[in-house]
ModelCIF file with pLDDT and N, C-alpha, C, O atoms, coordinates in Angstrom:
data_MODEL
#
_entry.id   MODEL 
#
_entity.id                         1 
_entity.type                       polymer 
_entity.pdbx_number_of_molecules   1 
#
_entity_poly.entity_id                      1 
_entity_poly.type                           'polypeptide(L)' 
_entity_poly.nstd_linkage                   no 
_entity_poly.nstd_monomer                   no 
_entity_poly.pdbx_seq_one_letter_code       
;(UNK)(UNK)(UNK)(UNK)(UNK)(UNK)(UNK)(UNK)(UNK)(UNK)(UNK)(UNK)(UNK)(UNK)(UNK)(UNK)
(UNK)(UNK)(UNK)(UNK)(UNK)(UNK)(UNK)(UNK)(UNK)(UNK)(UNK)(UNK)(UNK)(UNK)(UNK)(UNK)
(UNK)
;
_entity_poly.pdbx_seq_one_letter_code_can   XXXXXXXXXXXXXXXXXXXXXXXXXXXXXXXXX 
_entity_poly.pdbx_strand_id                 A 
#
loop_
_entity_poly_seq.entity_id 
_entity_poly_seq.num 
_entity_poly_seq.mon_id 
_entity_poly_seq.hetero 
1 1  UNK n 
1 2  UNK n 
1 3  UNK n 
1 4  UNK n 
1 5  UNK n 
1 6  UNK n 
1 7  UNK n 
1 8  UNK n 
1 9  UNK n 
1 10 UNK n 
1 11 UNK n 
1 12 UNK n 
1 13 UNK n 
1 14 UNK n 
1 15 UNK n 
1 16 UNK n 
1 17 UNK n 
1 18 UNK n 
1 19 UNK n 
1 20 UNK n 
1 21 UNK n 
1 22 UNK n 
1 23 UNK n 
1 24 UNK n 
1 25 UNK n 
1 26 UNK n 
1 27 UNK n 
1 28 UNK n 
1 29 UNK n 
1 30 UNK n 
1 31 UNK n 
1 32 UNK n 
1 33 UNK n 
#
_struct_asym.id          A 
_struct_asym.entity_id   1 
#
loop_
_ma_qa_metric.id 
_ma_qa_metric.mode 
_ma_qa_metric.name 
_ma_qa_metric.software_group_id 
_ma_qa_metric.type 
1 global pLDDT . pLDDT 
2 local  pLDDT . pLDDT 
#
_ma_qa_metric_global.metric_id      1 
_ma_qa_metric_global.metric_value   83.45 
_ma_qa_metric_global.model_id       1 
_ma_qa_metric_global.ordinal_id     1 
#
loop_
_ma_qa_metric_local.label_asym_id 
_ma_qa_metric_local.label_comp_id 
_ma_qa_metric_local.label_seq_id 
_ma_qa_metric_local.metric_id 
_ma_qa_metric_local.metric_value 
_ma_qa_metric_local.model_id 
_ma_qa_metric_local.ordinal_id 
A UNK 1  2 78.00 1 1  
A UNK 2  2 87.00 1 2  
A UNK 3  2 88.00 1 3  
A UNK 4  2 90.00 1 4  
A UNK 5  2 90.00 1 5  
A UNK 6  2 91.00 1 6  
A UNK 7  2 91.00 1 7  
A UNK 8  2 92.00 1 8  
A UNK 9  2 93.00 1 9  
A UNK 10 2 93.00 1 10 
A UNK 11 2 93.00 1 11 
A UNK 12 2 94.00 1 12 
A UNK 13 2 93.00 1 13 
A UNK 14 2 93.00 1 14 
A UNK 15 2 94.00 1 15 
A UNK 16 2 93.00 1 16 
A UNK 17 2 92.00 1 17 
A UNK 18 2 93.00 1 18 
A UNK 19 2 92.00 1 19 
A UNK 20 2 91.00 1 20 
A UNK 21 2 90.00 1 21 
A UNK 22 2 90.00 1 22 
A UNK 23 2 88.00 1 23 
A UNK 24 2 87.00 1 24 
A UNK 25 2 84.00 1 25 
A UNK 26 2 80.00 1 26 
A UNK 27 2 65.00 1 27 
A UNK 28 2 64.00 1 28 
A UNK 29 2 62.00 1 29 
A UNK 30 2 57.00 1 30 
A UNK 31 2 58.00 1 31 
A UNK 32 2 55.00 1 32 
A UNK 33 2 53.00 1 33 
#
loop_
_atom_site.group_PDB 
_atom_site.id 
_atom_site.type_symbol 
_atom_site.label_atom_id 
_atom_site.label_alt_id 
_atom_site.label_comp_id 
_atom_site.label_asym_id 
_atom_site.label_entity_id 
_atom_site.label_seq_id 
_atom_site.pdbx_PDB_ins_code 
_atom_site.Cartn_x 
_atom_site.Cartn_y 
_atom_site.Cartn_z 
_atom_site.occupancy 
_atom_site.B_iso_or_equiv 
_atom_site.pdbx_formal_charge 
_atom_site.auth_seq_id 
_atom_site.auth_comp_id 
_atom_site.auth_asym_id 
_atom_site.auth_atom_id 
_atom_site.pdbx_PDB_model_num 
ATOM 1   N N  . UNK A 1 1  ? 30.557 6.950  -12.522 1.00 78.00 ? 1  UNK A N  1 
ATOM 2   C CA . UNK A 1 1  ? 31.960 6.360  -12.879 1.00 78.00 ? 1  UNK A CA 1 
ATOM 3   C C  . UNK A 1 1  ? 32.088 6.224  -14.084 1.00 78.00 ? 1  UNK A C  1 
ATOM 4   O O  . UNK A 1 1  ? 32.858 6.923  -14.742 1.00 78.00 ? 1  UNK A O  1 
ATOM 5   N N  . UNK A 1 2  ? 31.072 4.943  -14.768 1.00 87.00 ? 2  UNK A N  1 
ATOM 6   C CA . UNK A 1 2  ? 32.063 4.212  -16.137 1.00 87.00 ? 2  UNK A CA 1 
ATOM 7   C C  . UNK A 1 2  ? 31.929 5.845  -17.107 1.00 87.00 ? 2  UNK A C  1 
ATOM 8   O O  . UNK A 1 2  ? 32.907 6.422  -17.584 1.00 87.00 ? 2  UNK A O  1 
ATOM 9   N N  . UNK A 1 3  ? 30.801 6.223  -17.190 1.00 88.00 ? 3  UNK A N  1 
ATOM 10  C CA . UNK A 1 3  ? 30.301 7.144  -17.968 1.00 88.00 ? 3  UNK A CA 1 
ATOM 11  C C  . UNK A 1 3  ? 31.394 8.354  -18.146 1.00 88.00 ? 3  UNK A C  1 
ATOM 12  O O  . UNK A 1 3  ? 31.574 8.938  -19.214 1.00 88.00 ? 3  UNK A O  1 
ATOM 13  N N  . UNK A 1 4  ? 32.293 8.715  -16.580 1.00 90.00 ? 4  UNK A N  1 
ATOM 14  C CA . UNK A 1 4  ? 33.184 9.280  -17.083 1.00 90.00 ? 4  UNK A CA 1 
ATOM 15  C C  . UNK A 1 4  ? 34.801 9.025  -17.244 1.00 90.00 ? 4  UNK A C  1 
ATOM 16  O O  . UNK A 1 4  ? 35.642 9.925  -17.250 1.00 90.00 ? 4  UNK A O  1 
ATOM 17  N N  . UNK A 1 5  ? 35.010 7.925  -17.346 1.00 90.00 ? 5  UNK A N  1 
ATOM 18  C CA . UNK A 1 5  ? 35.900 7.189  -17.892 1.00 90.00 ? 5  UNK A CA 1 
ATOM 19  C C  . UNK A 1 5  ? 35.588 7.268  -19.261 1.00 90.00 ? 5  UNK A C  1 
ATOM 20  O O  . UNK A 1 5  ? 36.362 7.949  -19.934 1.00 90.00 ? 5  UNK A O  1 
ATOM 21  N N  . UNK A 1 6  ? 34.244 6.515  -20.072 1.00 91.00 ? 6  UNK A N  1 
ATOM 22  C CA . UNK A 1 6  ? 34.404 6.275  -21.252 1.00 91.00 ? 6  UNK A CA 1 
ATOM 23  C C  . UNK A 1 6  ? 34.626 7.854  -21.867 1.00 91.00 ? 6  UNK A C  1 
ATOM 24  O O  . UNK A 1 6  ? 35.252 7.981  -22.920 1.00 91.00 ? 6  UNK A O  1 
ATOM 25  N N  . UNK A 1 7  ? 34.014 9.199  -21.071 1.00 91.00 ? 7  UNK A N  1 
ATOM 26  C CA . UNK A 1 7  ? 34.164 10.127 -22.533 1.00 91.00 ? 7  UNK A CA 1 
ATOM 27  C C  . UNK A 1 7  ? 35.612 10.497 -22.307 1.00 91.00 ? 7  UNK A C  1 
ATOM 28  O O  . UNK A 1 7  ? 36.150 11.089 -23.243 1.00 91.00 ? 7  UNK A O  1 
ATOM 29  N N  . UNK A 1 8  ? 36.242 10.285 -21.373 1.00 92.00 ? 8  UNK A N  1 
ATOM 30  C CA . UNK A 1 8  ? 37.459 10.323 -20.996 1.00 92.00 ? 8  UNK A CA 1 
ATOM 31  C C  . UNK A 1 8  ? 38.840 9.890  -22.123 1.00 92.00 ? 8  UNK A C  1 
ATOM 32  O O  . UNK A 1 8  ? 39.872 10.467 -22.466 1.00 92.00 ? 8  UNK A O  1 
ATOM 33  N N  . UNK A 1 9  ? 38.185 8.539  -22.451 1.00 93.00 ? 9  UNK A N  1 
ATOM 34  C CA . UNK A 1 9  ? 38.820 7.957  -23.974 1.00 93.00 ? 9  UNK A CA 1 
ATOM 35  C C  . UNK A 1 9  ? 38.627 8.084  -24.927 1.00 93.00 ? 9  UNK A C  1 
ATOM 36  O O  . UNK A 1 9  ? 39.421 8.231  -25.856 1.00 93.00 ? 9  UNK A O  1 
ATOM 37  N N  . UNK A 1 10 ? 37.274 8.052  -24.929 1.00 93.00 ? 10 UNK A N  1 
ATOM 38  C CA . UNK A 1 10 ? 36.349 8.745  -25.920 1.00 93.00 ? 10 UNK A CA 1 
ATOM 39  C C  . UNK A 1 10 ? 37.578 9.812  -26.562 1.00 93.00 ? 10 UNK A C  1 
ATOM 40  O O  . UNK A 1 10 ? 38.518 9.672  -27.344 1.00 93.00 ? 10 UNK A O  1 
ATOM 41  N N  . UNK A 1 11 ? 37.036 10.873 -25.814 1.00 93.00 ? 11 UNK A N  1 
ATOM 42  C CA . UNK A 1 11 ? 37.964 12.020 -26.146 1.00 93.00 ? 11 UNK A CA 1 
ATOM 43  C C  . UNK A 1 11 ? 39.443 11.933 -26.779 1.00 93.00 ? 11 UNK A C  1 
ATOM 44  O O  . UNK A 1 11 ? 39.983 12.336 -27.809 1.00 93.00 ? 11 UNK A O  1 
ATOM 45  N N  . UNK A 1 12 ? 39.834 11.176 -25.598 1.00 94.00 ? 12 UNK A N  1 
ATOM 46  C CA . UNK A 1 12 ? 41.460 11.341 -25.729 1.00 94.00 ? 12 UNK A CA 1 
ATOM 47  C C  . UNK A 1 12 ? 41.912 10.281 -27.659 1.00 94.00 ? 12 UNK A C  1 
ATOM 48  O O  . UNK A 1 12 ? 42.788 10.384 -28.517 1.00 94.00 ? 12 UNK A O  1 
ATOM 49  N N  . UNK A 1 13 ? 40.670 9.391  -27.437 1.00 93.00 ? 13 UNK A N  1 
ATOM 50  C CA . UNK A 1 13 ? 41.058 8.826  -28.924 1.00 93.00 ? 13 UNK A CA 1 
ATOM 51  C C  . UNK A 1 13 ? 40.919 9.214  -29.942 1.00 93.00 ? 13 UNK A C  1 
ATOM 52  O O  . UNK A 1 13 ? 41.483 8.727  -30.922 1.00 93.00 ? 13 UNK A O  1 
ATOM 53  N N  . UNK A 1 14 ? 40.120 10.210 -29.980 1.00 93.00 ? 14 UNK A N  1 
ATOM 54  C CA . UNK A 1 14 ? 39.700 11.693 -30.753 1.00 93.00 ? 14 UNK A CA 1 
ATOM 55  C C  . UNK A 1 14 ? 40.485 12.488 -31.139 1.00 93.00 ? 14 UNK A C  1 
ATOM 56  O O  . UNK A 1 14 ? 40.823 12.662 -32.310 1.00 93.00 ? 14 UNK A O  1 
ATOM 57  N N  . UNK A 1 15 ? 40.942 13.180 -29.991 1.00 94.00 ? 15 UNK A N  1 
ATOM 58  C CA . UNK A 1 15 ? 42.207 13.574 -29.915 1.00 94.00 ? 15 UNK A CA 1 
ATOM 59  C C  . UNK A 1 15 ? 43.543 13.162 -30.846 1.00 94.00 ? 15 UNK A C  1 
ATOM 60  O O  . UNK A 1 15 ? 43.835 13.805 -31.855 1.00 94.00 ? 15 UNK A O  1 
ATOM 61  N N  . UNK A 1 16 ? 44.240 12.121 -30.422 1.00 93.00 ? 16 UNK A N  1 
ATOM 62  C CA . UNK A 1 16 ? 45.217 11.201 -30.755 1.00 93.00 ? 16 UNK A CA 1 
ATOM 63  C C  . UNK A 1 16 ? 45.020 10.945 -32.057 1.00 93.00 ? 16 UNK A C  1 
ATOM 64  O O  . UNK A 1 16 ? 46.013 11.405 -32.621 1.00 93.00 ? 16 UNK A O  1 
ATOM 65  N N  . UNK A 1 17 ? 43.649 10.042 -33.577 1.00 92.00 ? 17 UNK A N  1 
ATOM 66  C CA . UNK A 1 17 ? 43.484 10.378 -34.170 1.00 92.00 ? 17 UNK A CA 1 
ATOM 67  C C  . UNK A 1 17 ? 43.511 11.644 -35.242 1.00 92.00 ? 17 UNK A C  1 
ATOM 68  O O  . UNK A 1 17 ? 43.921 11.556 -36.400 1.00 92.00 ? 17 UNK A O  1 
ATOM 69  N N  . UNK A 1 18 ? 43.103 12.573 -34.750 1.00 93.00 ? 18 UNK A N  1 
ATOM 70  C CA . UNK A 1 18 ? 43.109 14.004 -35.609 1.00 93.00 ? 18 UNK A CA 1 
ATOM 71  C C  . UNK A 1 18 ? 44.223 14.331 -35.586 1.00 93.00 ? 18 UNK A C  1 
ATOM 72  O O  . UNK A 1 18 ? 44.673 14.820 -36.622 1.00 93.00 ? 18 UNK A O  1 
ATOM 73  N N  . UNK A 1 19 ? 45.181 14.183 -34.313 1.00 92.00 ? 19 UNK A N  1 
ATOM 74  C CA . UNK A 1 19 ? 46.527 14.383 -34.560 1.00 92.00 ? 19 UNK A CA 1 
ATOM 75  C C  . UNK A 1 19 ? 47.322 13.898 -35.801 1.00 92.00 ? 19 UNK A C  1 
ATOM 76  O O  . UNK A 1 19 ? 47.922 14.557 -36.651 1.00 92.00 ? 19 UNK A O  1 
ATOM 77  N N  . UNK A 1 20 ? 47.137 12.389 -35.646 1.00 91.00 ? 20 UNK A N  1 
ATOM 78  C CA . UNK A 1 20 ? 48.147 11.300 -36.672 1.00 91.00 ? 20 UNK A CA 1 
ATOM 79  C C  . UNK A 1 20 ? 47.348 11.611 -37.635 1.00 91.00 ? 20 UNK A C  1 
ATOM 80  O O  . UNK A 1 20 ? 48.120 11.206 -38.504 1.00 91.00 ? 20 UNK A O  1 
ATOM 81  N N  . UNK A 1 21 ? 46.769 11.854 -38.023 1.00 90.00 ? 21 UNK A N  1 
ATOM 82  C CA . UNK A 1 21 ? 45.621 12.475 -39.420 1.00 90.00 ? 21 UNK A CA 1 
ATOM 83  C C  . UNK A 1 21 ? 46.239 13.733 -40.178 1.00 90.00 ? 21 UNK A C  1 
ATOM 84  O O  . UNK A 1 21 ? 46.579 13.969 -41.338 1.00 90.00 ? 21 UNK A O  1 
ATOM 85  N N  . UNK A 1 22 ? 46.219 14.584 -38.701 1.00 90.00 ? 22 UNK A N  1 
ATOM 86  C CA . UNK A 1 22 ? 47.474 15.913 -39.486 1.00 90.00 ? 22 UNK A CA 1 
ATOM 87  C C  . UNK A 1 22 ? 48.483 15.690 -39.607 1.00 90.00 ? 22 UNK A C  1 
ATOM 88  O O  . UNK A 1 22 ? 49.022 15.940 -40.685 1.00 90.00 ? 22 UNK A O  1 
ATOM 89  N N  . UNK A 1 23 ? 49.128 15.172 -38.653 1.00 88.00 ? 23 UNK A N  1 
ATOM 90  C CA . UNK A 1 23 ? 50.775 14.639 -39.142 1.00 88.00 ? 23 UNK A CA 1 
ATOM 91  C C  . UNK A 1 23 ? 51.039 14.160 -39.905 1.00 88.00 ? 23 UNK A C  1 
ATOM 92  O O  . UNK A 1 23 ? 52.163 14.462 -40.306 1.00 88.00 ? 23 UNK A O  1 
ATOM 93  N N  . UNK A 1 24 ? 50.029 12.700 -40.990 1.00 87.00 ? 24 UNK A N  1 
ATOM 94  C CA . UNK A 1 24 ? 49.957 11.992 -41.835 1.00 87.00 ? 24 UNK A CA 1 
ATOM 95  C C  . UNK A 1 24 ? 49.837 13.313 -43.602 1.00 87.00 ? 24 UNK A C  1 
ATOM 96  O O  . UNK A 1 24 ? 50.453 13.368 -44.666 1.00 87.00 ? 24 UNK A O  1 
ATOM 97  N N  . UNK A 1 25 ? 48.417 14.307 -42.808 1.00 84.00 ? 25 UNK A N  1 
ATOM 98  C CA . UNK A 1 25 ? 48.580 14.899 -44.360 1.00 84.00 ? 25 UNK A CA 1 
ATOM 99  C C  . UNK A 1 25 ? 49.743 15.975 -44.229 1.00 84.00 ? 25 UNK A C  1 
ATOM 100 O O  . UNK A 1 25 ? 50.499 15.910 -45.198 1.00 84.00 ? 25 UNK A O  1 
ATOM 101 N N  . UNK A 1 26 ? 50.013 16.712 -43.525 1.00 80.00 ? 26 UNK A N  1 
ATOM 102 C CA . UNK A 1 26 ? 51.218 17.812 -43.866 1.00 80.00 ? 26 UNK A CA 1 
ATOM 103 C C  . UNK A 1 26 ? 52.774 17.110 -44.510 1.00 80.00 ? 26 UNK A C  1 
ATOM 104 O O  . UNK A 1 26 ? 53.629 17.550 -45.279 1.00 80.00 ? 26 UNK A O  1 
ATOM 105 N N  . UNK A 1 27 ? 52.618 15.867 -43.785 1.00 65.00 ? 27 UNK A N  1 
ATOM 106 C CA . UNK A 1 27 ? 53.759 14.774 -44.235 1.00 65.00 ? 27 UNK A CA 1 
ATOM 107 C C  . UNK A 1 27 ? 54.139 14.385 -45.546 1.00 65.00 ? 27 UNK A C  1 
ATOM 108 O O  . UNK A 1 27 ? 55.274 14.189 -45.981 1.00 65.00 ? 27 UNK A O  1 
ATOM 109 N N  . UNK A 1 28 ? 52.614 14.264 -46.341 1.00 64.00 ? 28 UNK A N  1 
ATOM 110 C CA . UNK A 1 28 ? 51.983 14.086 -47.616 1.00 64.00 ? 28 UNK A CA 1 
ATOM 111 C C  . UNK A 1 28 ? 51.958 15.266 -48.319 1.00 64.00 ? 28 UNK A C  1 
ATOM 112 O O  . UNK A 1 28 ? 51.839 15.135 -49.538 1.00 64.00 ? 28 UNK A O  1 
ATOM 113 N N  . UNK A 1 29 ? 52.049 16.547 -47.820 1.00 62.00 ? 29 UNK A N  1 
ATOM 114 C CA . UNK A 1 29 ? 52.179 17.792 -48.254 1.00 62.00 ? 29 UNK A CA 1 
ATOM 115 C C  . UNK A 1 29 ? 53.711 18.334 -48.840 1.00 62.00 ? 29 UNK A C  1 
ATOM 116 O O  . UNK A 1 29 ? 54.016 18.768 -49.950 1.00 62.00 ? 29 UNK A O  1 
ATOM 117 N N  . UNK A 1 30 ? 54.258 18.189 -48.016 1.00 57.00 ? 30 UNK A N  1 
ATOM 118 C CA . UNK A 1 30 ? 56.013 18.676 -47.885 1.00 57.00 ? 30 UNK A CA 1 
ATOM 119 C C  . UNK A 1 30 ? 56.489 17.395 -48.814 1.00 57.00 ? 30 UNK A C  1 
ATOM 120 O O  . UNK A 1 30 ? 56.290 17.450 -50.027 1.00 57.00 ? 30 UNK A O  1 
ATOM 121 N N  . UNK A 1 31 ? 56.850 16.738 -48.476 1.00 58.00 ? 31 UNK A N  1 
ATOM 122 C CA . UNK A 1 31 ? 57.541 15.609 -49.199 1.00 58.00 ? 31 UNK A CA 1 
ATOM 123 C C  . UNK A 1 31 ? 56.788 14.323 -50.023 1.00 58.00 ? 31 UNK A C  1 
ATOM 124 O O  . UNK A 1 31 ? 55.586 14.449 -50.257 1.00 58.00 ? 31 UNK A O  1 
ATOM 125 N N  . UNK A 1 32 ? 57.358 13.318 -50.379 1.00 55.00 ? 32 UNK A N  1 
ATOM 126 C CA . UNK A 1 32 ? 56.663 12.373 -50.875 1.00 55.00 ? 32 UNK A CA 1 
ATOM 127 C C  . UNK A 1 32 ? 56.303 11.404 -49.789 1.00 55.00 ? 32 UNK A C  1 
ATOM 128 O O  . UNK A 1 32 ? 56.990 10.948 -48.876 1.00 55.00 ? 32 UNK A O  1 
ATOM 129 N N  . UNK A 1 33 ? 55.233 11.236 -50.072 1.00 53.00 ? 33 UNK A N  1 
ATOM 130 C CA . UNK A 1 33 ? 54.431 10.338 -49.004 1.00 53.00 ? 33 UNK A CA 1 
ATOM 131 C C  . UNK A 1 33 ? 55.297 8.481  -48.959 1.00 53.00 ? 33 UNK A C  1 
ATOM 132 O O  . UNK A 1 33 ? 54.853 7.611  -48.210 1.00 53.00 ? 33 UNK A O  1 
#
């Protein structure tokens, strides 16, 4: 059970970090950061 829970947490954090990085890169391109 702990392996499944840790995989869920790790994948969620990975997805959130990628989303934040993409939004910051898009915001930096369209207007001054």
